[in-house]
C-alpha atoms as a PDB file:
ATOM      1  CA  MET A   1     -45.991 -16.409  -5.599  1.00  0.00           C
ATOM      2  CA  PRO A   2     -49.360 -18.257  -5.376  1.00  0.00           C
ATOM      3  CA  ILE A   3     -49.747 -21.334  -3.233  1.00  0.00           C
ATOM      4  CA  ASP A   4     -49.995 -24.777  -4.855  1.00  0.00           C
ATOM      5  CA  PHE A   5     -51.107 -26.834  -1.841  1.00  0.00           C
ATOM      6  CA  LEU A   6     -53.978 -25.862   0.480  1.00  0.00           C
ATOM      7  CA  ALA A   7     -54.917 -27.552   3.766  1.00  0.00           C
ATOM      8  CA  ILE A   8     -58.284 -26.714   5.344  1.00  0.00           C
ATOM      9  CA  GLY A   9     -59.351 -27.487   8.912  1.00  0.00           C
ATOM     10  CA  HIS A  10     -58.742 -26.490  12.499  1.00  0.00           C
ATOM     11  CA  ALA A  11     -55.224 -25.917  13.699  1.00  0.00           C
ATOM     12  CA  THR A  12     -54.957 -27.409  17.172  1.00  0.00           C
ATOM     13  CA  GLN A  13     -53.097 -27.299  20.410  1.00  0.00           C
ATOM     14  CA  ASP A  14     -52.120 -30.767  21.607  1.00  0.00           C
ATOM     15  CA  ARG A  15     -51.572 -31.064  25.345  1.00  0.00           C
ATOM     16  CA  VAL A  16     -48.337 -32.899  26.127  1.00  0.00           C
ATOM     17  CA  PRO A  17     -46.613 -33.554  29.486  1.00  0.00           C
ATOM     18  CA  ASP A  18     -44.560 -30.342  29.415  1.00  0.00           C
ATOM     19  CA  GLY A  19     -47.272 -27.988  28.112  1.00  0.00           C
ATOM     20  CA  TYR A  20     -48.960 -27.452  24.745  1.00  0.00           C
ATOM     21  CA  ARG A  21     -47.761 -28.039  21.198  1.00  0.00           C
ATOM     22  CA  ARG A  22     -49.245 -26.726  17.960  1.00  0.00           C
ATOM     23  CA  GLY A  23     -50.591 -29.504  15.783  1.00  0.00           C
ATOM     24  CA  GLY A  24     -53.547 -30.650  13.739  1.00  0.00           C
ATOM     25  CA  THR A  25     -53.765 -31.998  10.229  1.00  0.00           C
ATOM     26  CA  VAL A  26     -53.365 -28.580   8.582  1.00  0.00           C
ATOM     27  CA  SER A  27     -50.163 -27.780  10.468  1.00  0.00           C
ATOM     28  CA  TYR A  28     -48.482 -31.132   9.793  1.00  0.00           C
ATOM     29  CA  ALA A  29     -49.709 -31.083   6.189  1.00  0.00           C
ATOM     30  CA  ALA A  30     -48.426 -27.581   5.472  1.00  0.00           C
ATOM     31  CA  VAL A  31     -45.012 -28.229   6.998  1.00  0.00           C
ATOM     32  CA  THR A  32     -44.687 -31.533   5.130  1.00  0.00           C
ATOM     33  CA  ALA A  33     -45.702 -29.888   1.851  1.00  0.00           C
ATOM     34  CA  ARG A  34     -43.182 -27.083   2.350  1.00  0.00           C
ATOM     35  CA  ILE A  35     -40.357 -29.496   3.148  1.00  0.00           C
ATOM     36  CA  LEU A  36     -41.241 -31.544   0.050  1.00  0.00           C
ATOM     37  CA  GLY A  37     -40.905 -28.439  -2.114  1.00  0.00           C
ATOM     38  CA  ARG A  38     -44.471 -27.172  -2.440  1.00  0.00           C
ATOM     39  CA  ARG A  39     -45.850 -23.701  -1.645  1.00  0.00           C
ATOM     40  CA  PRO A  40     -48.464 -24.424   1.044  1.00  0.00           C
ATOM     41  CA  GLY A  41     -51.304 -22.431   2.500  1.00  0.00           C
ATOM     42  CA  ILE A  42     -53.650 -23.007   5.425  1.00  0.00           C
ATOM     43  CA  LEU A  43     -57.282 -21.980   5.902  1.00  0.00           C
ATOM     44  CA  THR A  44     -58.047 -22.445   9.593  1.00  0.00           C
ATOM     45  CA  ARG A  45     -60.009 -21.203  12.569  1.00  0.00           C
ATOM     46  CA  ALA A  46     -57.911 -20.768  15.688  1.00  0.00           C
ATOM     47  CA  SER A  47     -56.728 -18.215  18.201  1.00  0.00           C
ATOM     48  CA  ALA A  48     -53.909 -15.897  17.194  1.00  0.00           C
ATOM     49  CA  ASP A  49     -51.445 -17.275  19.761  1.00  0.00           C
ATOM     50  CA  CYS A  50     -47.941 -17.553  18.264  1.00  0.00           C
ATOM     51  CA  LEU A  51     -49.063 -15.810  15.056  1.00  0.00           C
ATOM     52  CA  VAL A  52     -48.619 -12.295  13.724  1.00  0.00           C
ATOM     53  CA  VAL A  53     -51.955 -11.068  12.342  1.00  0.00           C
ATOM     54  CA  ARG A  54     -51.963  -8.340   9.704  1.00  0.00           C
ATOM     55  CA  GLU A  55     -54.244  -7.598   6.777  1.00  0.00           C
ATOM     56  CA  VAL A  56     -52.470  -6.984   3.463  1.00  0.00           C
ATOM     57  CA  PRO A  57     -54.746  -5.573   0.722  1.00  0.00           C
ATOM     58  CA  GLY A  58     -55.101  -8.008  -2.162  1.00  0.00           C
ATOM     59  CA  LEU A  59     -53.538 -10.972  -0.339  1.00  0.00           C
ATOM     60  CA  PRO A  60     -55.520 -13.877   1.150  1.00  0.00           C
ATOM     61  CA  GLU A  61     -52.922 -14.532   3.847  1.00  0.00           C
ATOM     62  CA  ASN A  62     -53.671 -12.445   6.925  1.00  0.00           C
ATOM     63  CA  ALA A  63     -51.383 -14.118   9.465  1.00  0.00           C
ATOM     64  CA  SER A  64     -47.861 -15.445   9.632  1.00  0.00           C
ATOM     65  CA  ALA A  65     -45.952 -17.615  12.054  1.00  0.00           C
ATOM     66  CA  LEU A  66     -43.203 -16.189  14.195  1.00  0.00           C
ATOM     67  CA  SER A  67     -39.701 -16.477  12.791  1.00  0.00           C
ATOM     68  CA  GLY A  68     -38.246 -19.856  13.632  1.00  0.00           C
ATOM     69  CA  SER A  69     -41.632 -21.573  13.894  1.00  0.00           C
ATOM     70  CA  GLU A  70     -42.234 -24.745  11.878  1.00  0.00           C
ATOM     71  CA  LEU A  71     -44.954 -22.791  10.048  1.00  0.00           C
ATOM     72  CA  ASP A  72     -42.598 -19.980   9.069  1.00  0.00           C
ATOM     73  CA  GLY A  73     -43.070 -19.427   5.339  1.00  0.00           C
ATOM     74  CA  VAL A  74     -46.569 -20.947   5.177  1.00  0.00           C
ATOM     75  CA  ALA A  75     -49.383 -18.708   3.884  1.00  0.00           C
ATOM     76  CA  ILE A  76     -52.103 -18.595   6.562  1.00  0.00           C
ATOM     77  CA  HIS A  77     -55.662 -17.298   6.313  1.00  0.00           C
ATOM     78  CA  LEU A  78     -56.790 -17.171   9.933  1.00  0.00           C
ATOM     79  CA  LEU A  79     -60.433 -17.036  10.989  1.00  0.00           C
ATOM     80  CA  ALA A  80     -60.818 -15.540  14.441  1.00  0.00           C
ATOM     81  CA  SER A  81     -61.620 -17.773  17.408  1.00  0.00           C
ATOM     82  CA  PRO A  82     -61.459 -17.189  21.171  1.00  0.00           C
ATOM     83  CA  VAL A  83     -60.089 -20.722  21.639  1.00  0.00           C
ATOM     84  CA  ASN A  84     -58.073 -23.330  19.806  1.00  0.00           C
ATOM     85  CA  THR A  85     -59.379 -26.821  19.273  1.00  0.00           C
ATOM     86  CA  THR A  86     -57.351 -28.630  21.916  1.00  0.00           C
ATOM     87  CA  PHE A  87     -56.798 -32.358  22.369  1.00  0.00           C
ATOM     88  CA  ALA A  88     -54.927 -34.285  25.011  1.00  0.00           C
ATOM     89  CA  ASN A  89     -53.224 -37.242  23.283  1.00  0.00           C
ATOM     90  CA  ILE A  90     -52.289 -40.038  25.667  1.00  0.00           C
ATOM     91  CA  TYR A  91     -50.289 -43.021  24.377  1.00  0.00           C
ATOM     92  CA  ARG A  92     -50.117 -46.336  26.213  1.00  0.00           C
ATOM     93  CA  ASP A  93     -48.854 -49.606  24.726  1.00  0.00           C
ATOM     94  CA  GLY A  94     -49.018 -48.134  21.222  1.00  0.00           C
ATOM     95  CA  LYS A  95     -52.649 -47.047  21.615  1.00  0.00           C
ATOM     96  CA  ARG A  96     -53.863 -43.460  21.687  1.00  0.00           C
ATOM     97  CA  THR A  97     -56.559 -42.050  23.948  1.00  0.00           C
ATOM     98  CA  GLN A  98     -57.830 -38.583  23.027  1.00  0.00           C
ATOM     99  CA  VAL A  99     -59.724 -36.028  25.095  1.00  0.00           C
ATOM    100  CA  LEU A 100     -61.258 -32.956  23.424  1.00  0.00           C
ATOM    101  CA  GLU A 101     -60.748 -30.044  25.803  1.00  0.00           C
ATOM    102  CA  THR A 102     -61.888 -27.021  23.735  1.00  0.00           C
ATOM    103  CA  ARG A 103     -63.295 -26.623  20.216  1.00  0.00           C
ATOM    104  CA  ALA A 104     -63.228 -23.728  17.753  1.00  0.00           C
ATOM    105  CA  GLY A 105     -66.187 -22.946  15.492  1.00  0.00           C
ATOM    106  CA  PRO A 106     -66.921 -24.229  11.972  1.00  0.00           C
ATOM    107  CA  ILE A 107     -65.213 -23.224   8.732  1.00  0.00           C
ATOM    108  CA  SER A 108     -67.752 -22.501   6.016  1.00  0.00           C
ATOM    109  CA  VAL A 109     -67.308 -22.425   2.245  1.00  0.00           C
ATOM    110  CA  SER A 110     -67.859 -18.659   2.319  1.00  0.00           C
ATOM    111  CA  ASP A 111     -64.690 -18.339   4.436  1.00  0.00           C
ATOM    112  CA  LEU A 112     -62.504 -19.410   1.491  1.00  0.00           C
ATOM    113  CA  PRO A 113     -60.523 -16.526  -0.060  1.00  0.00           C
ATOM    114  CA  ALA A 114     -61.557 -16.190  -3.714  1.00  0.00           C
ATOM    115  CA  SER A 115     -57.973 -16.399  -4.966  1.00  0.00           C
ATOM    116  CA  TRP A 116     -57.567 -19.814  -3.317  1.00  0.00           C
ATOM    117  CA  SER A 117     -60.527 -21.399  -5.092  1.00  0.00           C
ATOM    118  CA  ALA A 118     -58.408 -23.088  -7.784  1.00  0.00           C
ATOM    119  CA  VAL A 119     -55.339 -24.323  -5.863  1.00  0.00           C
ATOM    120  CA  PRO A 120     -53.880 -27.403  -7.657  1.00  0.00           C
ATOM    121  CA  ILE A 121     -53.825 -29.695  -4.587  1.00  0.00           C
ATOM    122  CA  VAL A 122     -56.329 -29.417  -1.736  1.00  0.00           C
ATOM    123  CA  LEU A 123     -56.467 -31.421   1.492  1.00  0.00           C
ATOM    124  CA  LEU A 124     -59.644 -31.318   3.560  1.00  0.00           C
ATOM    125  CA  GLY A 125     -58.450 -32.222   7.051  1.00  0.00           C
ATOM    126  CA  PRO A 126     -61.208 -31.771   9.651  1.00  0.00           C
ATOM    127  CA  ILE A 127     -60.344 -32.771  13.178  1.00  0.00           C
ATOM    128  CA  ALA A 128     -63.577 -31.943  15.044  1.00  0.00           C
ATOM    129  CA  GLY A 129     -66.383 -31.897  12.477  1.00  0.00           C
ATOM    130  CA  GLU A 130     -65.677 -28.293  11.492  1.00  0.00           C
ATOM    131  CA  LEU A 131     -66.155 -28.616   7.707  1.00  0.00           C
ATOM    132  CA  PRO A 132     -69.789 -28.762   6.455  1.00  0.00           C
ATOM    133  CA  PRO A 133     -70.851 -30.873   3.426  1.00  0.00           C
ATOM    134  CA  GLY A 134     -70.623 -27.958   0.988  1.00  0.00           C
ATOM    135  CA  TRP A 135     -66.851 -28.391   0.849  1.00  0.00           C
ATOM    136  CA  ALA A 136     -67.300 -31.571  -1.213  1.00  0.00           C
ATOM    137  CA  VAL A 137     -68.088 -29.560  -4.349  1.00  0.00           C
ATOM    138  CA  GLN A 138     -65.979 -26.460  -3.747  1.00  0.00           C
ATOM    139  CA  PHE A 139     -62.882 -27.407  -5.808  1.00  0.00           C
ATOM    140  CA  PRO A 140     -64.078 -28.915  -9.117  1.00  0.00           C
ATOM    141  CA  ASP A 141     -60.728 -28.476 -10.880  1.00  0.00           C
ATOM    142  CA  SER A 142     -58.359 -29.305  -8.003  1.00  0.00           C
ATOM    143  CA  PHE A 143     -56.716 -32.570  -7.033  1.00  0.00           C
ATOM    144  CA  MET A 144     -58.566 -33.247  -3.768  1.00  0.00           C
ATOM    145  CA  GLY A 145     -57.553 -35.452  -0.862  1.00  0.00           C
ATOM    146  CA  ILE A 146     -59.448 -36.018   2.364  1.00  0.00           C
ATOM    147  CA  THR A 147     -58.415 -37.192   5.810  1.00  0.00           C
ATOM    148  CA  PRO A 148     -61.865 -37.698   7.373  1.00  0.00           C
ATOM    149  CA  GLN A 149     -60.858 -38.392  10.973  1.00  0.00           C
ATOM    150  CA  GLY A 150     -62.703 -35.298  12.214  1.00  0.00           C
ATOM    151  CA  TRP A 151     -65.947 -36.649  10.726  1.00  0.00           C
ATOM    152  CA  MET A 152     -65.327 -40.116  12.194  1.00  0.00           C
ATOM    153  CA  ARG A 153     -65.136 -39.265  15.891  1.00  0.00           C
ATOM    154  CA  LYS A 154     -67.546 -38.290  18.634  1.00  0.00           C
ATOM    155  CA  TRP A 155     -66.973 -37.220  22.218  1.00  0.00           C
ATOM    156  CA  ASP A 156     -68.848 -37.534  25.478  1.00  0.00           C
ATOM    157  CA  GLY A 157     -69.562 -34.888  28.102  1.00  0.00           C
ATOM    158  CA  GLN A 158     -66.025 -35.206  29.456  1.00  0.00           C
ATOM    159  CA  GLY A 159     -64.514 -34.870  25.984  1.00  0.00           C
ATOM    160  CA  ARG A 160     -63.415 -38.511  25.674  1.00  0.00           C
ATOM    161  CA  VAL A 161     -63.162 -39.261  21.962  1.00  0.00           C
ATOM    162  CA  SER A 162     -64.424 -42.472  20.345  1.00  0.00           C
ATOM    163  CA  PRO A 163     -65.013 -43.629  16.732  1.00  0.00           C
ATOM    164  CA  ALA A 164     -68.250 -42.782  14.907  1.00  0.00           C
ATOM    165  CA  ARG A 165     -69.748 -43.436  11.472  1.00  0.00           C
ATOM    166  CA  TRP A 166     -69.015 -40.749   8.884  1.00  0.00           C
ATOM    167  CA  GLU A 167     -72.240 -38.873   8.225  1.00  0.00           C
ATOM    168  CA  ASP A 168     -72.580 -37.069   4.879  1.00  0.00           C
ATOM    169  CA  ALA A 169     -69.768 -39.235   3.494  1.00  0.00           C
ATOM    170  CA  GLU A 170     -71.276 -39.943   0.078  1.00  0.00           C
ATOM    171  CA  PRO A 171     -70.559 -36.615  -1.708  1.00  0.00           C
ATOM    172  CA  PHE A 172     -67.004 -36.532  -0.369  1.00  0.00           C
ATOM    173  CA  LEU A 173     -66.291 -40.149  -1.345  1.00  0.00           C
ATOM    174  CA  ARG A 174     -67.699 -39.520  -4.831  1.00  0.00           C
ATOM    175  CA  ARG A 175     -65.611 -36.378  -5.361  1.00  0.00           C
ATOM    176  CA  ALA A 176     -62.258 -36.979  -3.659  1.00  0.00           C
ATOM    177  CA  ASP A 177     -59.325 -38.237  -5.689  1.00  0.00           C
ATOM    178  CA  ALA A 178     -58.076 -40.021  -2.572  1.00  0.00           C
ATOM    179  CA  VAL A 179     -59.373 -40.598   0.954  1.00  0.00           C
ATOM    180  CA  ILE A 180     -56.819 -41.494   3.629  1.00  0.00           C
ATOM    181  CA  LEU A 181     -57.813 -42.784   7.059  1.00  0.00           C
ATOM    182  CA  SER A 182     -56.442 -45.007   9.783  1.00  0.00           C
ATOM    183  CA  ARG A 183     -57.922 -48.304  10.890  1.00  0.00           C
ATOM    184  CA  GLU A 184     -58.240 -46.656  14.306  1.00  0.00           C
ATOM    185  CA  ASP A 185     -60.380 -43.855  12.788  1.00  0.00           C
ATOM    186  CA  ALA A 186     -62.886 -46.512  11.691  1.00  0.00           C
ATOM    187  CA  GLY A 187     -62.877 -48.245  15.091  1.00  0.00           C
ATOM    188  CA  ALA A 188     -61.000 -51.205  13.533  1.00  0.00           C
ATOM    189  CA  ASP A 189     -64.279 -52.102  11.772  1.00  0.00           C
ATOM    190  CA  ASP A 190     -63.029 -53.846   8.642  1.00  0.00           C
ATOM    191  CA  ALA A 191     -66.543 -54.331   7.256  1.00  0.00           C
ATOM    192  CA  TYR A 192     -67.139 -50.586   7.461  1.00  0.00           C
ATOM    193  CA  ILE A 193     -63.772 -49.868   5.837  1.00  0.00           C
ATOM    194  CA  ALA A 194     -64.708 -52.217   2.982  1.00  0.00           C
ATOM    195  CA  GLU A 195     -67.997 -50.333   2.584  1.00  0.00           C
ATOM    196  CA  LEU A 196     -66.132 -47.018   2.302  1.00  0.00           C
ATOM    197  CA  ALA A 197     -63.674 -48.544  -0.167  1.00  0.00           C
ATOM    198  CA  ARG A 198     -66.514 -49.585  -2.462  1.00  0.00           C
ATOM    199  CA  GLN A 199     -67.780 -45.997  -2.592  1.00  0.00           C
ATOM    200  CA  ALA A 200     -64.447 -44.167  -2.894  1.00  0.00           C
ATOM    201  CA  ARG A 201     -62.400 -43.564  -6.019  1.00  0.00           C
ATOM    202  CA  MET A 202     -59.342 -44.431  -3.955  1.00  0.00           C
ATOM    203  CA  LEU A 203     -59.057 -45.313  -0.276  1.00  0.00           C
ATOM    204  CA  LEU A 204     -55.889 -45.789   1.755  1.00  0.00           C
ATOM    205  CA  VAL A 205     -55.915 -47.269   5.252  1.00  0.00           C
ATOM    206  CA  THR A 206     -52.973 -46.882   7.610  1.00  0.00           C
ATOM    207  CA  ASP A 207     -52.502 -49.115  10.650  1.00  0.00           C
ATOM    208  CA  GLY A 208     -49.379 -48.259  12.604  1.00  0.00           C
ATOM    209  CA  TRP A 209     -46.473 -50.419  11.479  1.00  0.00           C
ATOM    210  CA  HIS A 210     -48.693 -52.767   9.489  1.00  0.00           C
ATOM    211  CA  PRO A 211     -48.728 -52.345   5.699  1.00  0.00           C
ATOM    212  CA  VAL A 212     -50.797 -49.511   4.237  1.00  0.00           C
ATOM    213  CA  ILE A 213     -53.823 -50.913   2.396  1.00  0.00           C
ATOM    214  CA  LEU A 214     -54.579 -49.249  -0.927  1.00  0.00           C
ATOM    215  CA  HIS A 215     -58.020 -49.800  -2.468  1.00  0.00           C
ATOM    216  CA  HIS A 216     -58.203 -48.648  -6.084  1.00  0.00           C
ATOM    217  CA  ALA A 217     -60.150 -49.669  -9.193  1.00  0.00           C
ATOM    218  CA  GLY A 218     -61.630 -52.701  -7.462  1.00  0.00           C
ATOM    219  CA  ALA A 219     -58.260 -54.067  -6.320  1.00  0.00           C
ATOM    220  CA  ARG A 220     -56.434 -54.121  -2.992  1.00  0.00           C
ATOM    221  CA  TYR A 221     -52.693 -53.601  -2.584  1.00  0.00           C
ATOM    222  CA  ASP A 222     -50.516 -53.948   0.538  1.00  0.00           C
ATOM    223  CA  VAL A 223     -47.696 -51.406   0.825  1.00  0.00           C
ATOM    224  CA  PRO A 224     -45.157 -52.349   3.526  1.00  0.00           C
ATOM    225  CA  ALA A 225     -43.861 -49.784   5.990  1.00  0.00           C
ATOM    226  CA  ARG A 226     -40.234 -48.749   6.340  1.00  0.00           C
ATOM    227  CA  PRO A 227     -38.828 -49.890   9.724  1.00  0.00           C
ATOM    228  CA  ALA A 228     -38.230 -46.944  12.053  1.00  0.00           C
ATOM    229  CA  GLN A 229     -37.103 -46.112  15.591  1.00  0.00           C
ATOM    230  CA  GLU A 230     -40.194 -44.351  16.910  1.00  0.00           C
ATOM    231  CA  VAL A 231     -39.724 -41.268  19.078  1.00  0.00           C
ATOM    232  CA  ASP A 232     -43.000 -39.381  18.544  1.00  0.00           C
ATOM    233  CA  PRO A 233     -45.870 -40.809  16.426  1.00  0.00           C
ATOM    234  CA  THR A 234     -48.033 -37.666  16.578  1.00  0.00           C
ATOM    235  CA  GLY A 235     -48.930 -36.422  13.093  1.00  0.00           C
ATOM    236  CA  ALA A 236     -47.590 -39.442  11.211  1.00  0.00           C
ATOM    237  CA  GLY A 237     -50.918 -40.057   9.484  1.00  0.00           C
ATOM    238  CA  ASP A 238     -51.124 -36.436   8.338  1.00  0.00           C
ATOM    239  CA  VAL A 239     -47.549 -36.561   7.060  1.00  0.00           C
ATOM    240  CA  PHE A 240     -48.352 -39.766   5.162  1.00  0.00           C
ATOM    241  CA  ALA A 241     -51.518 -38.302   3.636  1.00  0.00           C
ATOM    242  CA  THR A 242     -49.741 -35.147   2.460  1.00  0.00           C
ATOM    243  CA  ALA A 243     -46.791 -36.998   0.981  1.00  0.00           C
ATOM    244  CA  PHE A 244     -49.138 -39.416  -0.786  1.00  0.00           C
ATOM    245  CA  LEU A 245     -51.250 -36.647  -2.319  1.00  0.00           C
ATOM    246  CA  ILE A 246     -48.172 -34.791  -3.535  1.00  0.00           C
ATOM    247  CA  GLY A 247     -46.649 -37.973  -4.946  1.00  0.00           C
ATOM    248  CA  LEU A 248     -49.873 -39.016  -6.667  1.00  0.00           C
ATOM    249  CA  ALA A 249     -50.567 -35.559  -8.104  1.00  0.00           C
ATOM    250  CA  GLU A 250     -47.041 -35.424  -9.512  1.00  0.00           C
ATOM    251  CA  THR A 251     -46.782 -38.962 -10.914  1.00  0.00           C
ATOM    252  CA  GLY A 252     -50.270 -40.461 -11.257  1.00  0.00           C
ATOM    253  CA  ASP A 253     -48.855 -43.683  -9.742  1.00  0.00           C
ATOM    254  CA  PRO A 254     -50.807 -44.724  -6.603  1.00  0.00           C
ATOM    255  CA  LEU A 255     -48.447 -47.527  -5.572  1.00  0.00           C
ATOM    256  CA  GLY A 256     -45.344 -45.415  -6.080  1.00  0.00           C
ATOM    257  CA  ALA A 257     -46.930 -42.517  -4.194  1.00  0.00           C
ATOM    258  CA  ALA A 258     -47.898 -44.824  -1.324  1.00  0.00           C
ATOM    259  CA  ARG A 259     -44.380 -46.206  -1.084  1.00  0.00           C
ATOM    260  CA  PHE A 260     -42.955 -42.677  -1.113  1.00  0.00           C
ATOM    261  CA  ALA A 261     -45.399 -41.623   1.618  1.00  0.00           C
ATOM    262  CA  THR A 262     -44.620 -44.583   3.883  1.00  0.00           C
ATOM    263  CA  VAL A 263     -40.956 -43.574   3.861  1.00  0.00           C
ATOM    264  CA  VAL A 264     -41.724 -39.911   4.588  1.00  0.00           C
ATOM    265  CA  ALA A 265     -44.070 -40.845   7.442  1.00  0.00           C
ATOM    266  CA  SER A 266     -41.730 -43.410   8.988  1.00  0.00           C
ATOM    267  CA  MET A 267     -38.841 -40.939   9.027  1.00  0.00           C
ATOM    268  CA  SER A 268     -41.102 -38.281  10.569  1.00  0.00           C
ATOM    269  CA  VAL A 269     -41.647 -40.295  13.764  1.00  0.00           C
ATOM    270  CA  GLU A 270     -37.919 -40.621  14.456  1.00  0.00           C
ATOM    271  CA  GLY A 271     -37.787 -37.223  16.185  1.00  0.00           C
ATOM    272  CA  PRO A 272     -40.065 -34.974  18.250  1.00  0.00           C
ATOM    273  CA  GLY A 273     -42.927 -33.003  16.706  1.00  0.00           C
ATOM    274  CA  MET A 274     -42.314 -31.848  13.141  1.00  0.00           C
ATOM    275  CA  ALA A 275     -38.536 -31.702  13.443  1.00  0.00           C
ATOM    276  CA  ALA A 276     -37.931 -35.087  11.798  1.00  0.00           C
ATOM    277  CA  ILE A 277     -40.076 -34.646   8.663  1.00  0.00           C
ATOM    278  CA  PRO A 278     -37.572 -35.459   5.893  1.00  0.00           C
ATOM    279  CA  ASP A 279     -36.890 -33.563   2.714  1.00  0.00           C
ATOM    280  CA  ARG A 280     -37.393 -35.101  -0.705  1.00  0.00           C
ATOM    281  CA  ALA A 281     -33.690 -35.767  -1.324  1.00  0.00           C
ATOM    282  CA  ARG A 282     -33.379 -37.913   1.808  1.00  0.00           C
ATOM    283  CA  VAL A 283     -36.480 -39.925   0.927  1.00  0.00           C
ATOM    284  CA  GLU A 284     -35.448 -40.475  -2.667  1.00  0.00           C
ATOM    285  CA  GLU A 285     -31.957 -41.507  -1.572  1.00  0.00           C
ATOM    286  CA  TRP A 286     -33.456 -44.147   0.738  1.00  0.00           C
ATOM    287  CA  LEU A 287     -35.775 -45.385  -2.001  1.00  0.00           C
ATOM    288  CA  SER A 288     -32.902 -45.629  -4.465  1.00  0.00           C
ATOM    289  CA  ARG A 289     -31.100 -47.975  -2.080  1.00  0.00           C
ATOM    290  CA  HIS A 290     -34.067 -50.017  -0.837  1.00  0.00           C
ATOM    291  CA  GLY A 291     -36.598 -49.855  -3.671  1.00  0.00           C
END
């Protein structure tokens, strides 16, 4: 059965105190999409660790996750790389410090399997500047979302990551149905965020437990977060973005989709890794009781 949700960008390894954990926007997005009832695929460049690589004539997927992995059941088109893009994520007092340890190569438009060129929902999720500008015009008939964090960061010689202005933003902002970023991605520069909002069709800004800010059609809306007992915040922004895109594509209601996504994301941080990402029934049950 063909996929109906495609995430494009580097899969990563995140260094944590007890070793390494698979992550990255594409991984969190694909798992969230699967749990919410979609048929997700990933186009990524990474090493083949923890994957089974096999070419099947006529199929774009050339790799699969090991049985029992969170990515089990996700269609994966893997581009070879000797290394994974690897970040160390260090949290102190609710703030994250990132260090880029290794980086895989770029993903070009020519790497896209032909049969995935018209997927209904597409998420461009770069995490280390790996997607060139040509991707802005690659999916003319798809519902396109963007999480631009990988275009809004730079790193020094030791790999310490800091915010940067988004170069080549204009074609992406003009094309995307929705752009989702965090206030942290923009270096907490509210003037810059306002500039991006003026150019985008729709811009959503997350900021931890503060309300999500939705900019759309010249108006601003505040969408409050669901209270949660945080265990692991890693990936919450990617979970939110995926849930929002799915909700918006299905309903056409930005405020309703944002509310739905805040609940999905808040539940996802109440357990380690991807284990706490909730299914649609649990989210809808909560919304039916709390509005």
